[in-house]
Amino acid sequence: MDPNSKPLDNKMKEDEKVKEKDRDAKEKKKGSKKSAMIFVQELRARLDTYYRIVVRNIRDSIPKIIGHFLVRSVQNKMQIELFKRLGEMRDAVSRGLGEVILIVY
């Protein structure tokens, strides 16, 4: 063998090692990109599910809130009407709710 060929062989081996390292790095990078993509997809799926649940809960609560305000409004009107009518019938109510005259004297 030629003494000059050994450094050339060593150089070729080093070049092959460098290329192999580059390939490994590229594959590793691809793997990390895949895992990042999977992570992003999983996160997006979870967020979509969360927002669907939130929207459903809001849709369910709106009729409940409207019903609550309607019932509360009717209760207030009934209370006002009751007090108004009780005020008109004050004498009859006081006689009906008052003590029996025999007990008072």
PDB file of N, CA and C in Angstrom:
ATOM      1  N   MET A   1       0.829  -1.182   0.000  1.00  0.00           N
ATOM      2  CA  MET A   1       0.000   0.000   0.000  1.00  0.00           C
ATOM      3  C   MET A   1       0.866   1.235   0.000  1.00  0.00           C
ATOM      4  N   ASP A   2       0.304   2.221  -0.541  1.00  0.00           N
ATOM      5  CA  ASP A   2       0.968   3.515  -0.644  1.00  0.00           C
ATOM      6  C   ASP A   2       0.838   4.246   0.702  1.00  0.00           C
ATOM      7  N   PRO A   3       1.926   4.815   1.222  1.00  0.00           N
ATOM      8  CA  PRO A   3       1.846   5.501   2.510  1.00  0.00           C
ATOM      9  C   PRO A   3       0.915   6.714   2.452  1.00  0.00           C
ATOM     10  N   ASN A   4       0.717   7.283   1.299  1.00  0.00           N
ATOM     11  CA  ASN A   4      -0.173   8.446   1.176  1.00  0.00           C
ATOM     12  C   ASN A   4      -1.650   8.042   1.189  1.00  0.00           C
ATOM     13  N   SER A   5      -1.933   6.783   0.974  1.00  0.00           N
ATOM     14  CA  SER A   5      -3.324   6.337   0.911  1.00  0.00           C
ATOM     15  C   SER A   5      -3.947   6.197   2.306  1.00  0.00           C
ATOM     16  N   LYS A   6      -3.125   5.971   3.331  1.00  0.00           N
ATOM     17  CA  LYS A   6      -3.669   5.841   4.695  1.00  0.00           C
ATOM     18  C   LYS A   6      -4.358   7.121   5.143  1.00  0.00           C
ATOM     19  N   PRO A   7      -3.752   8.293   4.991  1.00  0.00           N
ATOM     20  CA  PRO A   7      -4.485   9.492   5.403  1.00  0.00           C
ATOM     21  C   PRO A   7      -5.751   9.698   4.593  1.00  0.00           C
ATOM     22  N   LEU A   8      -5.706   9.277   3.351  1.00  0.00           N
ATOM     23  CA  LEU A   8      -6.894   9.412   2.512  1.00  0.00           C
ATOM     24  C   LEU A   8      -7.996   8.475   2.998  1.00  0.00           C
ATOM     25  N   ASP A   9      -7.621   7.246   3.372  1.00  0.00           N
ATOM     26  CA  ASP A   9      -8.599   6.297   3.920  1.00  0.00           C
ATOM     27  C   ASP A   9      -9.175   6.816   5.232  1.00  0.00           C
ATOM     28  N   ASN A  10      -8.312   7.351   6.072  1.00  0.00           N
ATOM     29  CA  ASN A  10      -8.770   7.907   7.350  1.00  0.00           C
ATOM     30  C   ASN A  10      -9.729   9.068   7.114  1.00  0.00           C
ATOM     31  N   LYS A  11      -9.403   9.885   6.138  1.00  0.00           N
ATOM     32  CA  LYS A  11     -10.245  11.025   5.802  1.00  0.00           C
ATOM     33  C   LYS A  11     -11.617  10.556   5.330  1.00  0.00           C
ATOM     34  N   MET A  12     -11.634   9.487   4.520  1.00  0.00           N
ATOM     35  CA  MET A  12     -12.900   8.956   4.020  1.00  0.00           C
ATOM     36  C   MET A  12     -13.720   8.379   5.162  1.00  0.00           C
ATOM     37  N   LYS A  13     -13.054   7.694   6.081  1.00  0.00           N
ATOM     38  CA  LYS A  13     -13.754   7.140   7.236  1.00  0.00           C
ATOM     39  C   LYS A  13     -14.333   8.259   8.101  1.00  0.00           C
ATOM     40  N   GLU A  14     -13.571   9.308   8.301  1.00  0.00           N
ATOM     41  CA  GLU A  14     -14.062  10.451   9.085  1.00  0.00           C
ATOM     42  C   GLU A  14     -15.254  11.097   8.395  1.00  0.00           C
ATOM     43  N   ASP A  15     -15.176  11.229   7.079  1.00  0.00           N
ATOM     44  CA  ASP A  15     -16.290  11.804   6.319  1.00  0.00           C
ATOM     45  C   ASP A  15     -17.544  10.943   6.468  1.00  0.00           C
ATOM     46  N   GLU A  16     -17.357   9.616   6.437  1.00  0.00           N
ATOM     47  CA  GLU A  16     -18.498   8.719   6.598  1.00  0.00           C
ATOM     48  C   GLU A  16     -19.093   8.862   7.999  1.00  0.00           C
ATOM     49  N   LYS A  17     -18.243   9.001   9.006  1.00  0.00           N
ATOM     50  CA  LYS A  17     -18.722   9.180  10.379  1.00  0.00           C
ATOM     51  C   LYS A  17     -19.503  10.483  10.509  1.00  0.00           C
ATOM     52  N   VAL A  18     -18.989  11.528   9.893  1.00  0.00           N
ATOM     53  CA  VAL A  18     -19.673  12.823   9.936  1.00  0.00           C
ATOM     54  C   VAL A  18     -21.034  12.721   9.249  1.00  0.00           C
ATOM     55  N   LYS A  19     -21.065  12.071   8.096  1.00  0.00           N
ATOM     56  CA  LYS A  19     -22.327  11.895   7.371  1.00  0.00           C
ATOM     57  C   LYS A  19     -23.318  11.075   8.196  1.00  0.00           C
ATOM     58  N   GLU A  20     -22.818  10.050   8.874  1.00  0.00           N
ATOM     59  CA  GLU A  20     -23.673   9.210   9.702  1.00  0.00           C
ATOM     60  C   GLU A  20     -24.245  10.016  10.875  1.00  0.00           C
ATOM     61  N   LYS A  21     -23.400  10.842  11.466  1.00  0.00           N
ATOM     62  CA  LYS A  21     -23.867  11.698  12.564  1.00  0.00           C
ATOM     63  C   LYS A  21     -24.932  12.679  12.073  1.00  0.00           C
ATOM     64  N   ASP A  22     -24.699  13.216  10.873  1.00  0.00           N
ATOM     65  CA  ASP A  22     -25.689  14.128  10.280  1.00  0.00           C
ATOM     66  C   ASP A  22     -27.022  13.414  10.057  1.00  0.00           C
ATOM     67  N   ARG A  23     -26.945  12.185   9.536  1.00  0.00           N
ATOM     68  CA  ARG A  23     -28.167  11.409   9.311  1.00  0.00           C
ATOM     69  C   ARG A  23     -28.887  11.142  10.630  1.00  0.00           C
ATOM     70  N   ASP A  24     -28.112  10.767  11.653  1.00  0.00           N
ATOM     71  CA  ASP A  24     -28.715  10.510  12.962  1.00  0.00           C
ATOM     72  C   ASP A  24     -29.373  11.774  13.520  1.00  0.00           C
ATOM     73  N   ALA A  25     -28.683  12.895  13.345  1.00  0.00           N
ATOM     74  CA  ALA A  25     -29.242  14.164  13.827  1.00  0.00           C
ATOM     75  C   ALA A  25     -30.524  14.509  13.087  1.00  0.00           C
ATOM     76  N   LYS A  26     -30.543  14.284  11.769  1.00  0.00           N
ATOM     77  CA  LYS A  26     -31.739  14.564  10.976  1.00  0.00           C
ATOM     78  C   LYS A  26     -32.899  13.671  11.406  1.00  0.00           C
ATOM     79  N   GLU A  27     -32.600  12.388  11.630  1.00  0.00           N
ATOM     80  CA  GLU A  27     -33.646  11.461  12.066  1.00  0.00           C
ATOM     81  C   GLU A  27     -34.167  11.850  13.448  1.00  0.00           C
ATOM     82  N   LYS A  28     -33.259  12.263  14.301  1.00  0.00           N
ATOM     83  CA  LYS A  28     -33.652  12.689  15.638  1.00  0.00           C
ATOM     84  C   LYS A  28     -34.544  13.930  15.556  1.00  0.00           C
ATOM     85  N   LYS A  29     -34.170  14.844  14.668  1.00  0.00           N
ATOM     86  CA  LYS A  29     -34.944  16.058  14.466  1.00  0.00           C
ATOM     87  C   LYS A  29     -36.336  15.723  13.951  1.00  0.00           C
ATOM     88  N   LYS A  30     -36.412  14.773  12.990  1.00  0.00           N
ATOM     89  CA  LYS A  30     -37.701  14.341  12.466  1.00  0.00           C
ATOM     90  C   LYS A  30     -38.551  13.742  13.582  1.00  0.00           C
ATOM     91  N   GLY A  31     -37.910  12.941  14.428  1.00  0.00           N
ATOM     92  CA  GLY A  31     -38.623  12.324  15.551  1.00  0.00           C
ATOM     93  C   GLY A  31     -39.155  13.364  16.507  1.00  0.00           C
ATOM     94  N   SER A  32     -38.355  14.392  16.769  1.00  0.00           N
ATOM     95  CA  SER A  32     -38.819  15.438  17.687  1.00  0.00           C
ATOM     96  C   SER A  32     -39.929  16.252  17.048  1.00  0.00           C
ATOM     97  N   LYS A  33     -39.858  16.436  15.713  1.00  0.00           N
ATOM     98  CA  LYS A  33     -40.938  17.146  15.019  1.00  0.00           C
ATOM     99  C   LYS A  33     -42.224  16.336  15.083  1.00  0.00           C
ATOM    100  N   LYS A  34     -42.100  15.015  14.909  1.00  0.00           N
ATOM    101  CA  LYS A  34     -43.281  14.155  14.982  1.00  0.00           C
ATOM    102  C   LYS A  34     -43.897  14.212  16.368  1.00  0.00           C
ATOM    103  N   SER A  35     -43.055  14.138  17.389  1.00  0.00           N
ATOM    104  CA  SER A  35     -43.592  14.175  18.752  1.00  0.00           C
ATOM    105  C   SER A  35     -44.201  15.540  19.052  1.00  0.00           C
ATOM    106  N   ALA A  36     -43.602  16.597  18.517  1.00  0.00           N
ATOM    107  CA  ALA A  36     -44.181  17.933  18.703  1.00  0.00           C
ATOM    108  C   ALA A  36     -45.522  18.033  17.994  1.00  0.00           C
ATOM    109  N   MET A  37     -45.623  17.468  16.809  1.00  0.00           N
ATOM    110  CA  MET A  37     -46.887  17.476  16.071  1.00  0.00           C
ATOM    111  C   MET A  37     -47.958  16.694  16.829  1.00  0.00           C
ATOM    112  N   ILE A  38     -47.566  15.551  17.364  1.00  0.00           N
ATOM    113  CA  ILE A  38     -48.510  14.737  18.133  1.00  0.00           C
ATOM    114  C   ILE A  38     -48.973  15.514  19.361  1.00  0.00           C
ATOM    115  N   PHE A  39     -48.043  16.185  20.027  1.00  0.00           N
ATOM    116  CA  PHE A  39     -48.385  16.988  21.201  1.00  0.00           C
ATOM    117  C   PHE A  39     -49.366  18.097  20.825  1.00  0.00           C
ATOM    118  N   VAL A  40     -49.093  18.791  19.735  1.00  0.00           N
ATOM    119  CA  VAL A  40     -49.965  19.880  19.287  1.00  0.00           C
ATOM    120  C   VAL A  40     -51.348  19.347  18.941  1.00  0.00           C
ATOM    121  N   GLN A  41     -51.397  18.217  18.246  1.00  0.00           N
ATOM    122  CA  GLN A  41     -52.691  17.633  17.891  1.00  0.00           C
ATOM    123  C   GLN A  41     -53.476  17.225  19.131  1.00  0.00           C
ATOM    124  N   GLU A  42     -52.805  16.627  20.093  1.00  0.00           N
ATOM    125  CA  GLU A  42     -53.467  16.215  21.335  1.00  0.00           C
ATOM    126  C   GLU A  42     -53.979  17.436  22.099  1.00  0.00           C
ATOM    127  N   LEU A  43     -53.163  18.467  22.179  1.00  0.00           N
ATOM    128  CA  LEU A  43     -53.553  19.693  22.870  1.00  0.00           C
ATOM    129  C   LEU A  43     -54.746  20.338  22.179  1.00  0.00           C
ATOM    130  N   ARG A  44     -54.707  20.384  20.853  1.00  0.00           N
ATOM    131  CA  ARG A  44     -55.820  20.961  20.089  1.00  0.00           C
ATOM    132  C   ARG A  44     -57.103  20.161  20.306  1.00  0.00           C
ATOM    133  N   ALA A  45     -57.002  18.848  20.323  1.00  0.00           N
ATOM    134  CA  ALA A  45     -58.180  17.996  20.540  1.00  0.00           C
ATOM    135  C   ALA A  45     -58.766  18.239  21.928  1.00  0.00           C
ATOM    136  N   ARG A  46     -57.906  18.362  22.919  1.00  0.00           N
ATOM    137  CA  ARG A  46     -58.390  18.611  24.283  1.00  0.00           C
ATOM    138  C   ARG A  46     -59.044  19.980  24.402  1.00  0.00           C
ATOM    139  N   LEU A  47     -58.447  20.987  23.764  1.00  0.00           N
ATOM    140  CA  LEU A  47     -59.044  22.326  23.794  1.00  0.00           C
ATOM    141  C   LEU A  47     -60.398  22.342  23.080  1.00  0.00           C
ATOM    142  N   ASP A  48     -60.483  21.665  21.950  1.00  0.00           N
ATOM    143  CA  ASP A  48     -61.763  21.582  21.246  1.00  0.00           C
ATOM    144  C   ASP A  48     -62.829  20.941  22.129  1.00  0.00           C
ATOM    145  N   THR A  49     -62.470  19.864  22.793  1.00  0.00           N
ATOM    146  CA  THR A  49     -63.404  19.186  23.689  1.00  0.00           C
ATOM    147  C   THR A  49     -63.819  20.110  24.831  1.00  0.00           C
ATOM    148  N   TYR A  50     -62.862  20.806  25.408  1.00  0.00           N
ATOM    149  CA  TYR A  50     -63.157  21.733  26.509  1.00  0.00           C
ATOM    150  C   TYR A  50     -64.129  22.818  26.050  1.00  0.00           C
ATOM    151  N   TYR A  51     -63.871  23.416  24.886  1.00  0.00           N
ATOM    152  CA  TYR A  51     -64.749  24.480  24.401  1.00  0.00           C
ATOM    153  C   TYR A  51     -66.134  23.952  24.052  1.00  0.00           C
ATOM    154  N   ARG A  52     -66.230  22.727  23.556  1.00  0.00           N
ATOM    155  CA  ARG A  52     -67.548  22.139  23.296  1.00  0.00           C
ATOM    156  C   ARG A  52     -68.329  21.990  24.596  1.00  0.00           C
ATOM    157  N   ILE A  53     -67.656  21.569  25.659  1.00  0.00           N
ATOM    158  CA  ILE A  53     -68.309  21.423  26.960  1.00  0.00           C
ATOM    159  C   ILE A  53     -68.763  22.783  27.475  1.00  0.00           C
ATOM    160  N   VAL A  54     -67.913  23.786  27.354  1.00  0.00           N
ATOM    161  CA  VAL A  54     -68.268  25.135  27.816  1.00  0.00           C
ATOM    162  C   VAL A  54     -69.480  25.669  27.056  1.00  0.00           C
ATOM    163  N   VAL A  55     -69.478  25.520  25.743  1.00  0.00           N
ATOM    164  CA  VAL A  55     -70.603  26.003  24.927  1.00  0.00           C
ATOM    165  C   VAL A  55     -71.880  25.266  25.308  1.00  0.00           C
ATOM    166  N   ARG A  56     -71.794  23.965  25.501  1.00  0.00           N
ATOM    167  CA  ARG A  56     -72.979  23.194  25.895  1.00  0.00           C
ATOM    168  C   ARG A  56     -73.517  23.667  27.242  1.00  0.00           C
ATOM    169  N   ASN A  57     -72.636  23.905  28.201  1.00  0.00           N
ATOM    170  CA  ASN A  57     -73.075  24.375  29.521  1.00  0.00           C
ATOM    171  C   ASN A  57     -73.723  25.751  29.437  1.00  0.00           C
ATOM    172  N   ILE A  58     -73.172  26.620  28.608  1.00  0.00           N
ATOM    173  CA  ILE A  58     -73.763  27.947  28.454  1.00  0.00           C
ATOM    174  C   ILE A  58     -75.140  27.828  27.803  1.00  0.00           C
ATOM    175  N   ARG A  59     -75.250  26.987  26.786  1.00  0.00           N
ATOM    176  CA  ARG A  59     -76.556  26.779  26.137  1.00  0.00           C
ATOM    177  C   ARG A  59     -77.579  26.244  27.125  1.00  0.00           C
ATOM    178  N   ASP A  60     -77.147  25.359  28.018  1.00  0.00           N
ATOM    179  CA  ASP A  60     -78.063  24.802  29.011  1.00  0.00           C
ATOM    180  C   ASP A  60     -78.443  25.826  30.074  1.00  0.00           C
ATOM    181  N   SER A  61     -77.532  26.717  30.412  1.00  0.00           N
ATOM    182  CA  SER A  61     -77.795  27.648  31.517  1.00  0.00           C
ATOM    183  C   SER A  61     -78.632  28.854  31.095  1.00  0.00           C
ATOM    184  N   ILE A  62     -78.636  29.200  29.817  1.00  0.00           N
ATOM    185  CA  ILE A  62     -79.393  30.384  29.379  1.00  0.00           C
ATOM    186  C   ILE A  62     -80.890  30.217  29.649  1.00  0.00           C
ATOM    187  N   PRO A  63     -81.537  29.110  29.260  1.00  0.00           N
ATOM    188  CA  PRO A  63     -82.957  28.980  29.587  1.00  0.00           C
ATOM    189  C   PRO A  63     -83.222  28.975  31.093  1.00  0.00           C
ATOM    190  N   LYS A  64     -82.310  28.402  31.859  1.00  0.00           N
ATOM    191  CA  LYS A  64     -82.468  28.397  33.313  1.00  0.00           C
ATOM    192  C   LYS A  64     -82.439  29.823  33.861  1.00  0.00           C
ATOM    193  N   ILE A  65     -81.528  30.629  33.365  1.00  0.00           N
ATOM    194  CA  ILE A  65     -81.412  32.010  33.824  1.00  0.00           C
ATOM    195  C   ILE A  65     -82.661  32.802  33.452  1.00  0.00           C
ATOM    196  N   ILE A  66     -83.121  32.623  32.206  1.00  0.00           N
ATOM    197  CA  ILE A  66     -84.327  33.327  31.763  1.00  0.00           C
ATOM    198  C   ILE A  66     -85.508  32.911  32.633  1.00  0.00           C
ATOM    199  N   GLY A  67     -85.653  31.619  32.872  1.00  0.00           N
ATOM    200  CA  GLY A  67     -86.727  31.129  33.739  1.00  0.00           C
ATOM    201  C   GLY A  67     -86.631  31.707  35.132  1.00  0.00           C
ATOM    202  N   HIS A  68     -85.425  31.790  35.667  1.00  0.00           N
ATOM    203  CA  HIS A  68     -85.240  32.353  37.002  1.00  0.00           C
ATOM    204  C   HIS A  68     -85.727  33.800  37.054  1.00  0.00           C
ATOM    205  N   PHE A  69     -85.345  34.608  36.061  1.00  0.00           N
ATOM    206  CA  PHE A  69     -85.761  36.010  36.051  1.00  0.00           C
ATOM    207  C   PHE A  69     -87.266  36.134  35.878  1.00  0.00           C
ATOM    208  N   LEU A  70     -87.865  35.285  35.042  1.00  0.00           N
ATOM    209  CA  LEU A  70     -89.317  35.335  34.860  1.00  0.00           C
ATOM    210  C   LEU A  70     -90.044  34.952  36.148  1.00  0.00           C
ATOM    211  N   VAL A  71     -89.603  33.894  36.798  1.00  0.00           N
ATOM    212  CA  VAL A  71     -90.228  33.459  38.050  1.00  0.00           C
ATOM    213  C   VAL A  71     -90.053  34.526  39.125  1.00  0.00           C
ATOM    214  N   ARG A  72     -88.860  35.091  39.207  1.00  0.00           N
ATOM    215  CA  ARG A  72     -88.596  36.139  40.211  1.00  0.00           C
ATOM    216  C   ARG A  72     -89.491  37.351  39.959  1.00  0.00           C
ATOM    217  N   SER A  73     -89.674  37.718  38.712  1.00  0.00           N
ATOM    218  CA  SER A  73     -90.524  38.851  38.357  1.00  0.00           C
ATOM    219  C   SER A  73     -91.970  38.582  38.768  1.00  0.00           C
ATOM    220  N   VAL A  74     -92.457  37.387  38.480  1.00  0.00           N
ATOM    221  CA  VAL A  74     -93.832  37.030  38.846  1.00  0.00           C
ATOM    222  C   VAL A  74     -93.975  37.019  40.363  1.00  0.00           C
ATOM    223  N   GLN A  75     -92.996  36.522  41.085  1.00  0.00           N
ATOM    224  CA  GLN A  75     -93.048  36.512  42.547  1.00  0.00           C
ATOM    225  C   GLN A  75     -93.152  37.933  43.094  1.00  0.00           C
ATOM    226  N   ASN A  76     -92.350  38.828  42.552  1.00  0.00           N
ATOM    227  CA  ASN A  76     -92.397  40.221  43.019  1.00  0.00           C
ATOM    228  C   ASN A  76     -93.756  40.853  42.736  1.00  0.00           C
ATOM    229  N   LYS A  77     -94.305  40.614  41.545  1.00  0.00           N
ATOM    230  CA  LYS A  77     -95.620  41.166  41.207  1.00  0.00           C
ATOM    231  C   LYS A  77     -96.706  40.601  42.110  1.00  0.00           C
ATOM    232  N   MET A  78     -96.625  39.299  42.389  1.00  0.00           N
ATOM    233  CA  MET A  78     -97.612  38.678  43.284  1.00  0.00           C
ATOM    234  C   MET A  78     -97.509  39.256  44.692  1.00  0.00           C
ATOM    235  N   GLN A  79     -96.310  39.490  45.159  1.00  0.00           N
ATOM    236  CA  GLN A  79     -96.123  40.043  46.502  1.00  0.00           C
ATOM    237  C   GLN A  79     -96.689  41.457  46.579  1.00  0.00           C
ATOM    238  N   ILE A  80     -96.430  42.262  45.560  1.00  0.00           N
ATOM    239  CA  ILE A  80     -96.959  43.634  45.528  1.00  0.00           C
ATOM    240  C   ILE A  80     -98.485  43.605  45.517  1.00  0.00           C
ATOM    241  N   GLU A  81     -99.058  42.734  44.681  1.00  0.00           N
ATOM    242  CA  GLU A  81    -100.522  42.624  44.604  1.00  0.00           C
ATOM    243  C   GLU A  81    -101.097  42.139  45.916  1.00  0.00           C
ATOM    244  N   LEU A  82    -100.456  41.204  46.568  1.00  0.00           N
ATOM    245  CA  LEU A  82    -100.921  40.698  47.862  1.00  0.00           C
ATOM    246  C   LEU A  82    -100.926  41.811  48.903  1.00  0.00           C
ATOM    247  N   PHE A  83     -99.847  42.580  49.002  1.00  0.00           N
ATOM    248  CA  PHE A  83     -99.792  43.675  49.971  1.00  0.00           C
ATOM    249  C   PHE A  83    -100.839  44.743  49.657  1.00  0.00           C
ATOM    250  N   LYS A  84    -101.047  45.004  48.373  1.00  0.00           N
ATOM    251  CA  LYS A  84    -102.039  45.997  47.976  1.00  0.00           C
ATOM    252  C   LYS A  84    -103.441  45.565  48.423  1.00  0.00           C
ATOM    253  N   ARG A  85    -103.768  44.314  48.156  1.00  0.00           N
ATOM    254  CA  ARG A  85    -105.101  43.809  48.523  1.00  0.00           C
ATOM    255  C   ARG A  85    -105.251  43.691  50.037  1.00  0.00           C
ATOM    256  N   LEU A  86    -104.177  43.308  50.718  1.00  0.00           N
ATOM    257  CA  LEU A  86    -104.245  43.243  52.184  1.00  0.00           C
ATOM    258  C   LEU A  86    -104.451  44.639  52.767  1.00  0.00           C
ATOM    259  N   GLY A  87    -103.846  45.627  52.145  1.00  0.00           N
ATOM    260  CA  GLY A  87    -104.045  47.010  52.602  1.00  0.00           C
ATOM    261  C   GLY A  87    -105.483  47.453  52.420  1.00  0.00           C
ATOM    262  N   GLU A  88    -106.108  47.039  51.334  1.00  0.00           N
ATOM    263  CA  GLU A  88    -107.509  47.383  51.098  1.00  0.00           C
ATOM    264  C   GLU A  88    -108.420  46.680  52.085  1.00  0.00           C
ATOM    265  N   MET A  89    -108.057  45.483  52.512  1.00  0.00           N
ATOM    266  CA  MET A  89    -108.900  44.703  53.418  1.00  0.00           C
ATOM    267  C   MET A  89    -108.343  44.727  54.846  1.00  0.00           C
ATOM    268  N   ARG A  90    -107.750  45.828  55.245  1.00  0.00           N
ATOM    269  CA  ARG A  90    -107.075  45.900  56.539  1.00  0.00           C
ATOM    270  C   ARG A  90    -108.021  45.597  57.698  1.00  0.00           C
ATOM    271  N   ASP A  91    -109.206  46.180  57.687  1.00  0.00           N
ATOM    272  CA  ASP A  91    -110.138  45.986  58.808  1.00  0.00           C
ATOM    273  C   ASP A  91    -110.572  44.525  58.906  1.00  0.00           C
ATOM    274  N   ALA A  92    -110.896  43.929  57.769  1.00  0.00           N
ATOM    275  CA  ALA A  92    -111.340  42.536  57.791  1.00  0.00           C
ATOM    276  C   ALA A  92    -110.206  41.626  58.244  1.00  0.00           C
ATOM    277  N   VAL A  93    -109.009  41.933  57.800  1.00  0.00           N
ATOM    278  CA  VAL A  93    -107.861  41.107  58.183  1.00  0.00           C
ATOM    279  C   VAL A  93    -107.557  41.278  59.663  1.00  0.00           C
ATOM    280  N   SER A  94    -107.598  42.502  60.148  1.00  0.00           N
ATOM    281  CA  SER A  94    -107.289  42.720  61.573  1.00  0.00           C
ATOM    282  C   SER A  94    -108.327  42.047  62.447  1.00  0.00           C
ATOM    283  N   ARG A  95    -109.587  42.037  62.013  1.00  0.00           N
ATOM    284  CA  ARG A  95    -110.604  41.323  62.784  1.00  0.00           C
ATOM    285  C   ARG A  95    -110.350  39.830  62.727  1.00  0.00           C
ATOM    286  N   GLY A  96    -109.988  39.328  61.576  1.00  0.00           N
ATOM    287  CA  GLY A  96    -109.763  37.893  61.428  1.00  0.00           C
ATOM    288  C   GLY A  96    -108.501  37.423  62.122  1.00  0.00           C
ATOM    289  N   LEU A  97    -107.489  38.262  62.178  1.00  0.00           N
ATOM    290  CA  LEU A  97    -106.223  37.877  62.804  1.00  0.00           C
ATOM    291  C   LEU A  97    -106.119  38.337  64.254  1.00  0.00           C
ATOM    292  N   GLY A  98    -107.019  39.170  64.661  1.00  0.00           N
ATOM    293  CA  GLY A  98    -106.953  39.712  66.023  1.00  0.00           C
ATOM    294  C   GLY A  98    -107.399  38.685  67.055  1.00  0.00           C
ATOM    295  N   GLU A  99    -107.230  39.062  68.323  1.00  0.00           N
ATOM    296  CA  GLU A  99    -107.630  38.208  69.429  1.00  0.00           C
ATOM    297  C   GLU A  99    -109.151  38.228  69.585  1.00  0.00           C
ATOM    298  N   VAL A 100    -109.662  37.174  70.108  1.00  0.00           N
ATOM    299  CA  VAL A 100    -111.099  37.093  70.400  1.00  0.00           C
ATOM    300  C   VAL A 100    -111.388  38.087  71.540  1.00  0.00           C
ATOM    301  N   ILE A 101    -112.463  38.814  71.420  1.00  0.00           N
ATOM    302  CA  ILE A 101    -112.773  39.854  72.407  1.00  0.00           C
ATOM    303  C   ILE A 101    -112.914  39.289  73.811  1.00  0.00           C
ATOM    304  N   LEU A 102    -113.437  38.104  73.962  1.00  0.00           N
ATOM    305  CA  LEU A 102    -113.592  37.501  75.281  1.00  0.00           C
ATOM    306  C   LEU A 102    -112.248  37.273  75.966  1.00  0.00           C
ATOM    307  N   ILE A 103    -111.216  36.987  75.194  1.00  0.00           N
ATOM    308  CA  ILE A 103    -109.901  36.734  75.769  1.00  0.00           C
ATOM    309  C   ILE A 103    -109.234  38.042  76.156  1.00  0.00           C
ATOM    310  N   VAL A 104    -109.441  39.070  75.388  1.00  0.00           N
ATOM    311  CA  VAL A 104    -108.798  40.355  75.649  1.00  0.00           C
ATOM    312  C   VAL A 104    -109.330  40.971  76.926  1.00  0.00           C
ATOM    313  N   TYR A 105    -110.631  40.889  77.184  1.00  0.00           N
ATOM    314  CA  TYR A 105    -111.203  41.525  78.397  1.00  0.00           C
ATOM    315  C   TYR A 105    -111.276  40.582  79.532  1.00  0.00           C
TER     316      TYR A 105
END
